[in-house]
């Protein structure tokens, strides 16, 4: 094996549950093991259990260094994008190959995928893993992707996920990423039918759409309650972009809207709560369809900036967490203690001046249990509600 000796790979799998710091310190006890390489594989296996479970079926798959693993898409987001974006039989180029998860999922639908990566080691590692996985419709190219693209013809789809690092710090804006998308936008657009841009979940949606100027749709993808990425679909827009907020769970939830729909919707706020509280999922919070949520689900906002909603009926189809209100509570230790005899609760704050962790300490509560304590602002007043979560 070119990258990791079989003995080292076997060691990594046998010791995958051990403390990697201790393994590094005890490297002298294992003179025939490349301990740095073993630890890299152990950490990759642990991440794969959550992020890329599909790879665990292949014992000879080799994981890249930490930074490349950190920057890689998960199986969940890469699968969703590939299934909804890549036409069957398409010719695709992944211009920022990296670990190659996006390439692998796109290859399941495309006729061919060209993987471009400037780093020679990563490129060679991808070639090894393609053999391990039995993927035969991917071609690897070690090159600067923008220079490489100048020599190419036309692709059905170009995919790019610029590196979000600048002088060692995380970057969000297109102009701070590598390659600089804005400087190369004309080159990209003239070499494909459709351009797909993956961006930071911290990016400003409106500014980014304005900078690209050719956005048909914006996808905001959340996994397990956390916004993971924003995707811009660039082509020939017929008007303002459609925003698609997607929560990828066992019950995938999608909410679509346009900015003009949100702008033209009248706000619906209340001065008292109904029997239920609703918290939009992370993709919706990023997307910003705050007034439309209330309108479409016949709910009212607690406050224009609270982003919690209430109603008298349980809406099991609401795209987010759903709570039944047990009672309103005063948010001090004396009032809360009798209601939570085990001193346990999940504390959530929305539009409240104290962070959830700080409020939890102030109230003397431990994390856990089956009760939720929501602290928020209702009609301009600080309020607290003891709730139980409902599962659709």
Protein backbone atom coordinates (compact mmCIF):
# COMPACT_ATOMS: atom_id res chain seq x y z
CA UNK A 1 0.00 0.00 0.00
CA UNK A 2 1.55 3.28 -1.10
CA UNK A 3 0.42 5.63 1.67
CA UNK A 4 0.03 3.54 4.82
CA UNK A 5 1.61 0.15 5.46
CA UNK A 6 -0.95 -2.59 6.02
CA UNK A 7 0.46 -3.22 9.51
CA UNK A 8 -0.15 0.43 10.43
CA UNK A 9 -3.66 0.37 8.97
CA UNK A 10 -4.50 -2.82 10.88
CA UNK A 11 -3.13 -1.22 14.06
CA UNK A 12 -5.33 1.85 13.54
CA UNK A 13 -8.47 -0.25 13.21
CA UNK A 14 -7.55 -2.38 16.22
CA UNK A 15 -6.92 0.72 18.39
CA UNK A 16 -9.66 3.00 17.07
CA UNK A 17 -11.20 3.45 20.53
CA UNK A 18 -8.00 4.41 22.31
CA UNK A 19 -6.77 7.87 23.31
CA UNK A 20 -4.75 9.11 20.33
CA UNK A 21 -2.64 11.47 22.46
CA UNK A 22 -1.54 8.51 24.58
CA UNK A 23 -0.79 6.47 21.47
CA UNK A 24 1.49 9.23 20.15
CA UNK A 25 3.32 9.40 23.47
CA UNK A 26 3.80 5.63 23.47
CA UNK A 27 4.98 5.40 19.84
CA UNK A 28 8.35 3.94 20.91
CA UNK A 29 6.53 0.81 22.11
CA UNK A 30 5.45 0.12 18.52
CA UNK A 31 8.61 0.56 16.38
CA UNK A 32 7.02 -1.03 13.30
CA UNK A 33 4.04 1.32 13.32
CA UNK A 34 3.95 4.76 11.72
CA UNK A 35 2.08 6.27 14.68
CA UNK A 36 1.34 9.62 13.04
CA UNK A 37 -0.28 7.82 10.12
CA UNK A 38 -2.14 5.46 12.46
CA UNK A 39 -3.56 8.35 14.50
CA UNK A 40 -4.66 10.12 11.29
CA UNK A 41 -6.60 7.00 10.31
CA UNK A 42 -8.05 6.51 13.80
CA UNK A 43 -9.35 10.07 13.88
CA UNK A 44 -10.70 9.65 10.36
CA UNK A 45 -12.57 6.49 11.36
CA UNK A 46 -14.14 8.27 14.33
CA UNK A 47 -15.28 11.18 12.19
CA UNK A 48 -16.58 8.79 9.54
CA UNK A 49 -18.92 7.15 12.03
CA UNK A 50 -20.88 10.42 12.15
CA UNK A 51 -20.00 12.17 8.90
CA UNK A 52 -19.28 9.50 6.25
CA UNK A 53 -20.74 6.18 7.42
CA UNK A 54 -20.65 4.92 3.82
CA UNK A 55 -16.84 4.76 4.00
CA UNK A 56 -16.74 2.39 6.98
CA UNK A 57 -17.70 -0.48 4.69
CA UNK A 58 -14.27 -0.24 3.00
CA UNK A 59 -11.42 -1.25 5.35
CA UNK A 60 -8.66 -0.08 2.97
CA UNK A 61 -10.05 3.43 2.53
CA UNK A 62 -7.48 6.01 3.68
CA UNK A 63 -8.43 9.30 5.33
CA UNK A 64 -6.62 12.59 4.59
CA UNK A 65 -5.26 14.99 7.24
CA UNK A 66 -7.51 16.80 9.72
CA UNK A 67 -7.95 20.05 7.77
CA UNK A 68 -9.20 18.22 4.68
CA UNK A 69 -11.58 16.12 6.75
CA UNK A 70 -12.88 19.22 8.51
CA UNK A 71 -13.53 21.04 5.24
CA UNK A 72 -15.22 18.09 3.56
CA UNK A 73 -18.95 17.74 2.98
CA UNK A 74 -20.82 15.08 4.92
CA UNK A 75 -22.52 12.11 3.29
CA UNK A 76 -25.87 13.74 4.07
CA UNK A 77 -25.27 17.04 2.28
CA UNK A 78 -23.23 15.57 -0.59
CA UNK A 79 -25.89 12.92 -1.25
CA UNK A 80 -28.72 15.49 -1.21
CA UNK A 81 -26.91 17.82 -3.62
CA UNK A 82 -25.98 15.03 -6.00
CA UNK A 83 -29.50 13.57 -6.07
CA UNK A 84 -31.11 16.96 -6.76
CA UNK A 85 -28.50 18.66 -8.94
CA UNK A 86 -26.62 16.17 -11.06
CA UNK A 87 -28.50 15.00 -14.17
CA UNK A 88 -28.14 11.30 -14.87
CA UNK A 89 -25.43 10.88 -17.51
CA UNK A 90 -23.96 14.36 -17.03
CA UNK A 91 -20.34 15.40 -17.53
CA UNK A 92 -19.21 17.01 -14.27
CA UNK A 93 -16.04 18.62 -12.96
CA UNK A 94 -15.31 19.07 -9.24
CA UNK A 95 -12.92 22.02 -9.27
CA UNK A 96 -11.95 21.81 -5.59
CA UNK A 97 -11.57 18.08 -5.05
CA UNK A 98 -10.11 17.89 -1.53
CA UNK A 99 -11.18 14.73 0.28
CA UNK A 100 -13.45 13.89 -2.65
CA UNK A 101 -16.77 13.17 -0.91
CA UNK A 102 -18.66 15.44 -3.31
CA UNK A 103 -16.97 13.80 -6.28
CA UNK A 104 -17.91 10.32 -5.06
CA UNK A 105 -21.59 11.14 -4.65
CA UNK A 106 -21.80 12.99 -7.97
CA UNK A 107 -20.16 10.00 -9.66
CA UNK A 108 -23.15 7.86 -8.71
CA UNK A 109 -25.31 9.83 -11.17
CA UNK A 110 -22.91 11.39 -13.66
CA UNK A 111 -21.47 9.66 -16.69
CA UNK A 112 -18.08 11.12 -15.78
CA UNK A 113 -16.58 13.32 -13.09
CA UNK A 114 -13.23 15.05 -13.32
CA UNK A 115 -11.67 15.61 -9.89
CA UNK A 116 -9.21 18.54 -9.84
CA UNK A 117 -6.89 19.05 -6.88
CA UNK A 118 -3.72 21.11 -6.68
CA UNK A 119 -2.18 19.12 -3.80
CA UNK A 120 -0.27 16.14 -5.21
CA UNK A 121 -0.66 14.00 -2.08
CA UNK A 122 -4.41 14.53 -1.91
CA UNK A 123 -4.75 13.77 -5.61
CA UNK A 124 -2.78 10.51 -5.26
CA UNK A 125 -4.77 9.58 -2.17
CA UNK A 126 -8.01 10.08 -4.12
CA UNK A 127 -6.73 7.78 -6.88
CA UNK A 128 -6.01 5.11 -4.26
CA UNK A 129 -9.46 5.47 -2.69
CA UNK A 130 -11.21 5.32 -6.06
CA UNK A 131 -9.64 1.88 -6.59
CA UNK A 132 -10.66 0.79 -3.09
CA UNK A 133 -14.24 1.94 -3.68
CA UNK A 134 -14.44 0.47 -7.18
CA UNK A 135 -15.35 3.80 -8.80
CA UNK A 136 -14.32 3.85 -12.46
CA UNK A 137 -15.96 6.99 -13.88
CA UNK A 138 -13.75 9.54 -12.08
CA UNK A 139 -10.58 11.02 -13.56
CA UNK A 140 -8.10 12.75 -11.26
CA UNK A 141 -6.15 15.81 -12.38
CA UNK A 142 -3.46 17.46 -10.28
CA UNK A 143 -3.70 21.10 -11.32
CA UNK A 144 -4.69 24.63 -10.46
CA UNK A 145 -8.37 24.40 -11.32
CA UNK A 146 -8.70 27.85 -12.87
CA UNK A 147 -5.66 27.34 -15.11
CA UNK A 148 -6.89 23.85 -15.99
CA UNK A 149 -10.38 25.12 -16.88
CA UNK A 150 -9.01 27.55 -19.45
CA UNK A 151 -7.87 24.58 -21.55
CA UNK A 152 -11.18 22.69 -21.37
CA UNK A 153 -14.36 22.52 -23.37
CA UNK A 154 -17.90 22.60 -21.93
CA UNK A 155 -19.31 20.71 -18.92
CA UNK A 156 -22.90 20.04 -17.96
CA UNK A 157 -22.09 21.01 -14.39
CA UNK A 158 -19.14 22.62 -12.62
CA UNK A 159 -18.97 22.29 -8.84
CA UNK A 160 -16.75 24.52 -6.72
CA UNK A 161 -16.22 24.78 -2.97
CA UNK A 162 -13.52 27.45 -2.49
CA UNK A 163 -11.16 26.97 0.46
CA UNK A 164 -12.40 29.15 3.29
CA UNK A 165 -9.09 30.07 4.87
CA UNK A 166 -7.19 33.37 4.79
CA UNK A 167 -3.88 33.67 6.62
CA UNK A 168 -4.89 30.75 8.82
CA UNK A 169 -8.27 32.26 9.74
CA UNK A 170 -11.72 31.16 8.61
CA UNK A 171 -13.08 33.20 5.72
CA UNK A 172 -16.68 33.58 4.58
CA UNK A 173 -16.81 36.12 1.74
CA UNK A 174 -16.13 34.91 -1.80
CA UNK A 175 -13.31 37.41 -2.30
CA UNK A 176 -11.44 35.99 0.70
CA UNK A 177 -11.60 32.36 -0.44
CA UNK A 178 -9.31 30.38 -2.75
CA UNK A 179 -9.81 30.41 -5.67
CA UNK A 180 -11.37 33.86 -5.77
CA UNK A 181 -14.76 33.07 -7.26
CA UNK A 182 -15.59 36.62 -8.28
CA UNK A 183 -12.37 37.10 -10.26
CA UNK A 184 -13.02 33.87 -12.16
CA UNK A 185 -16.78 34.03 -12.53
CA UNK A 186 -16.77 34.68 -16.28
CA UNK A 187 -14.37 31.79 -16.87
CA UNK A 188 -16.57 29.47 -14.84
CA UNK A 189 -19.82 30.51 -16.49
CA UNK A 190 -18.51 30.13 -20.04
CA UNK A 191 -17.46 26.51 -19.42
CA UNK A 192 -20.71 25.01 -18.12
CA UNK A 193 -24.47 24.82 -18.39
CA UNK A 194 -24.84 25.14 -14.64
CA UNK A 195 -22.44 26.29 -11.93
CA UNK A 196 -22.91 25.05 -8.36
CA UNK A 197 -21.13 27.01 -5.61
CA UNK A 198 -20.87 25.72 -2.06
CA UNK A 199 -20.33 28.49 0.49
CA UNK A 200 -19.92 29.03 4.21
CA UNK A 201 -23.08 28.86 6.37
CA UNK A 202 -22.01 32.31 7.63
CA UNK A 203 -22.19 33.96 4.22
CA UNK A 204 -24.49 36.94 3.60
CA UNK A 205 -27.12 35.47 1.25
CA UNK A 206 -28.24 38.72 -0.38
CA UNK A 207 -24.73 40.09 -0.89
CA UNK A 208 -23.49 36.78 -2.30
CA UNK A 209 -26.41 36.54 -4.74
CA UNK A 210 -25.77 40.11 -5.84
CA UNK A 211 -22.06 39.43 -6.35
CA UNK A 212 -22.67 36.30 -8.43
CA UNK A 213 -25.46 37.93 -10.42
CA UNK A 214 -26.65 34.67 -12.03
CA UNK A 215 -28.28 32.84 -9.13
CA UNK A 216 -31.39 30.75 -9.84
CA UNK A 217 -31.70 29.15 -6.42
CA UNK A 218 -30.11 29.36 -2.98
CA UNK A 219 -30.09 26.22 -0.86
CA UNK A 220 -29.56 26.42 2.88
CA UNK A 221 -28.81 22.95 4.27
CA UNK A 222 -29.01 21.97 7.94
CA UNK A 223 -28.06 18.64 9.49
CA UNK A 224 -28.98 17.60 13.04
CA UNK A 225 -30.11 21.08 13.98
CA UNK A 226 -27.03 22.91 12.66
CA UNK A 227 -26.77 24.95 9.46
CA UNK A 228 -23.93 23.28 7.54
CA UNK A 229 -23.71 24.99 4.16
CA UNK A 230 -25.21 27.36 1.64
CA UNK A 231 -25.33 26.37 -2.03
CA UNK A 232 -25.83 28.75 -4.95
CA UNK A 233 -27.22 27.36 -8.22
CA UNK A 234 -26.04 29.60 -11.02
CA UNK A 235 -27.49 29.53 -14.50
CA UNK A 236 -29.94 31.74 -16.36
CA UNK A 237 -32.21 33.29 -13.69
CA UNK A 238 -35.70 34.38 -14.71
CA UNK A 239 -36.09 36.69 -11.71
CA UNK A 240 -35.13 36.76 -8.05
CA UNK A 241 -33.68 33.51 -6.68
CA UNK A 242 -35.79 30.85 -5.03
CA UNK A 243 -34.57 30.13 -1.50
CA UNK A 244 -34.80 26.52 -0.41
CA UNK A 245 -34.32 25.85 3.32
CA UNK A 246 -33.75 22.14 3.95
CA UNK A 247 -33.36 20.24 7.22
CA UNK A 248 -31.83 16.84 6.46
CA UNK A 249 -33.18 14.40 9.03
CA UNK A 250 -35.07 11.11 8.94
CA UNK A 251 -38.03 13.35 8.03
CA UNK A 252 -36.47 15.86 5.64
CA UNK A 253 -38.23 19.22 5.76
CA UNK A 254 -38.10 21.79 2.93
CA UNK A 255 -39.44 25.35 2.97
CA UNK A 256 -39.18 27.46 -0.19
CA UNK A 257 -39.80 31.17 -0.64
CA UNK A 258 -38.52 34.35 -2.28
CA UNK A 259 -37.38 37.55 -0.65
CA UNK A 260 -40.26 39.49 -2.17
CA UNK A 261 -42.75 37.03 -0.63
CA UNK A 262 -41.24 37.63 2.79
CA UNK A 263 -41.11 41.39 2.25
CA UNK A 264 -44.76 41.59 1.20
CA UNK A 265 -46.11 39.42 4.02
CA UNK A 266 -47.67 41.23 6.98
CA UNK A 267 -46.18 40.34 10.34
CA UNK A 268 -48.36 38.45 12.82
CA UNK A 269 -47.32 39.04 16.43
CA UNK A 270 -49.22 38.27 19.63
CA UNK A 271 -49.41 39.48 23.22
CA UNK A 272 -50.08 36.04 24.75
CA UNK A 273 -49.15 32.47 23.92
CA UNK A 274 -51.37 29.64 22.78
CA UNK A 275 -50.94 26.06 23.88
CA UNK A 276 -47.89 25.36 21.72
CA UNK A 277 -44.53 26.90 20.85
CA UNK A 278 -42.60 26.36 17.62
CA UNK A 279 -38.92 26.92 16.82
CA UNK A 280 -37.90 26.89 13.12
CA UNK A 281 -35.05 24.60 12.12
CA UNK A 282 -31.57 26.03 11.59
CA UNK A 283 -31.82 26.33 7.79
CA UNK A 284 -35.01 28.38 8.11
CA UNK A 285 -33.40 30.64 10.71
CA UNK A 286 -30.55 31.29 8.27
CA UNK A 287 -32.91 31.74 5.32
CA UNK A 288 -34.97 34.37 7.15
CA UNK A 289 -38.57 33.64 6.16
CA UNK A 290 -39.78 34.83 9.55
CA UNK A 291 -43.14 36.37 8.59
CA UNK A 292 -43.96 33.71 6.02
CA UNK A 293 -43.59 30.93 8.58
CA UNK A 294 -46.37 32.46 10.67
CA UNK A 295 -48.60 32.95 7.65
CA UNK A 296 -48.18 29.48 6.14
CA UNK A 297 -48.71 27.62 9.42
CA UNK A 298 -51.38 29.93 10.85
CA UNK A 299 -49.21 30.92 13.80
CA UNK A 300 -48.16 34.16 15.48
CA UNK A 301 -44.69 35.40 16.36
CA UNK A 302 -43.97 36.06 20.00
CA UNK A 303 -42.01 39.16 18.99
CA UNK A 304 -40.53 40.40 15.69
CA UNK A 305 -37.03 39.43 16.89
CA UNK A 306 -37.77 36.31 18.94
CA UNK A 307 -38.32 33.91 16.00
CA UNK A 308 -40.53 31.68 18.10
CA UNK A 309 -44.13 31.02 17.11
CA UNK A 310 -47.29 30.04 18.94
CA UNK A 311 -50.77 28.72 18.28
CA UNK A 312 -53.63 26.86 19.95
CA UNK A 313 -53.30 23.76 17.77
CA UNK A 314 -50.44 21.32 17.35
CA UNK A 315 -48.90 21.60 13.88
CA UNK A 316 -47.06 18.30 13.49
CA UNK A 317 -45.88 19.37 10.03
CA UNK A 318 -44.09 22.49 11.31
CA UNK A 319 -40.50 22.62 9.97
CA UNK A 320 -38.65 22.66 13.27
CA UNK A 321 -39.01 21.79 16.94
CA UNK A 322 -42.47 21.68 18.46
CA UNK A 323 -43.31 22.16 22.13
CA UNK A 324 -46.39 21.89 24.29
CA UNK A 325 -46.46 24.65 26.91
CA UNK A 326 -46.92 23.24 30.40
CA UNK A 327 -46.91 26.59 32.19
CA UNK A 328 -45.33 30.00 32.28
CA UNK A 329 -42.54 30.33 34.84
CA UNK A 330 -40.67 33.14 36.50
CA UNK A 331 -37.01 32.76 35.57
CA UNK A 332 -35.42 32.64 39.00
CA UNK A 333 -34.07 29.72 41.00
CA UNK A 334 -36.75 29.86 43.68
CA UNK A 335 -39.58 29.64 41.15
CA UNK A 336 -38.03 27.01 38.89
CA UNK A 337 -36.73 24.56 41.53
CA UNK A 338 -40.13 23.12 42.62
CA UNK A 339 -41.09 22.51 39.00
CA UNK A 340 -37.94 20.50 38.24
CA UNK A 341 -37.27 18.28 41.27
CA UNK A 342 -34.35 16.55 39.53
CA UNK A 343 -32.89 19.99 38.69
CA UNK A 344 -32.56 19.02 35.05
CA UNK A 345 -33.82 20.70 31.88
CA UNK A 346 -32.84 21.77 28.37
CA UNK A 347 -32.58 25.56 28.48
CA UNK A 348 -33.22 27.50 25.26
CA UNK A 349 -32.95 31.27 24.91
CA UNK A 350 -34.27 33.26 21.94
CA UNK A 351 -34.15 37.06 21.92
CA UNK A 352 -33.20 37.01 25.60
CA UNK A 353 -30.34 38.98 27.19
CA UNK A 354 -28.76 35.94 28.92
CA UNK A 355 -27.13 33.05 27.02
CA UNK A 356 -28.65 29.59 27.54
CA UNK A 357 -25.60 28.19 29.37
CA UNK A 358 -25.43 31.19 31.69
CA UNK A 359 -29.15 31.02 32.47
CA UNK A 360 -28.87 27.31 33.14
CA UNK A 361 -26.12 27.96 35.72
CA UNK A 362 -28.06 30.84 37.25
CA UNK A 363 -31.08 28.56 37.75
CA UNK A 364 -28.94 25.73 39.15
CA UNK A 365 -29.97 23.28 36.44
CA UNK A 366 -28.13 20.44 34.78
CA UNK A 367 -28.55 19.60 31.10
CA UNK A 368 -30.91 16.71 30.46
CA UNK A 369 -34.30 15.34 31.32
CA UNK A 370 -37.52 15.59 29.31
CA UNK A 371 -38.41 19.20 30.09
CA UNK A 372 -37.48 22.32 28.16
CA UNK A 373 -37.23 25.80 29.61
CA UNK A 374 -37.62 28.46 26.90
CA UNK A 375 -36.60 32.02 27.79
CA UNK A 376 -37.61 34.66 25.28
CA UNK A 377 -39.31 37.99 24.66
CA UNK A 378 -43.08 38.16 24.20
CA UNK A 379 -44.55 41.51 23.10
CA UNK A 380 -41.50 43.30 24.46
CA UNK A 381 -41.50 41.51 27.86
CA UNK A 382 -39.03 38.88 29.13
CA UNK A 383 -40.89 35.60 29.68
CA UNK A 384 -40.17 31.96 30.50
CA UNK A 385 -42.10 28.81 29.57
CA UNK A 386 -41.79 25.27 30.84
CA UNK A 387 -42.45 22.89 27.94
CA UNK A 388 -42.30 19.33 26.75
CA UNK A 389 -41.10 18.52 23.26
CA UNK A 390 -43.48 16.86 20.83
CA UNK A 391 -42.35 14.41 18.16
CA UNK A 392 -44.34 14.21 14.94
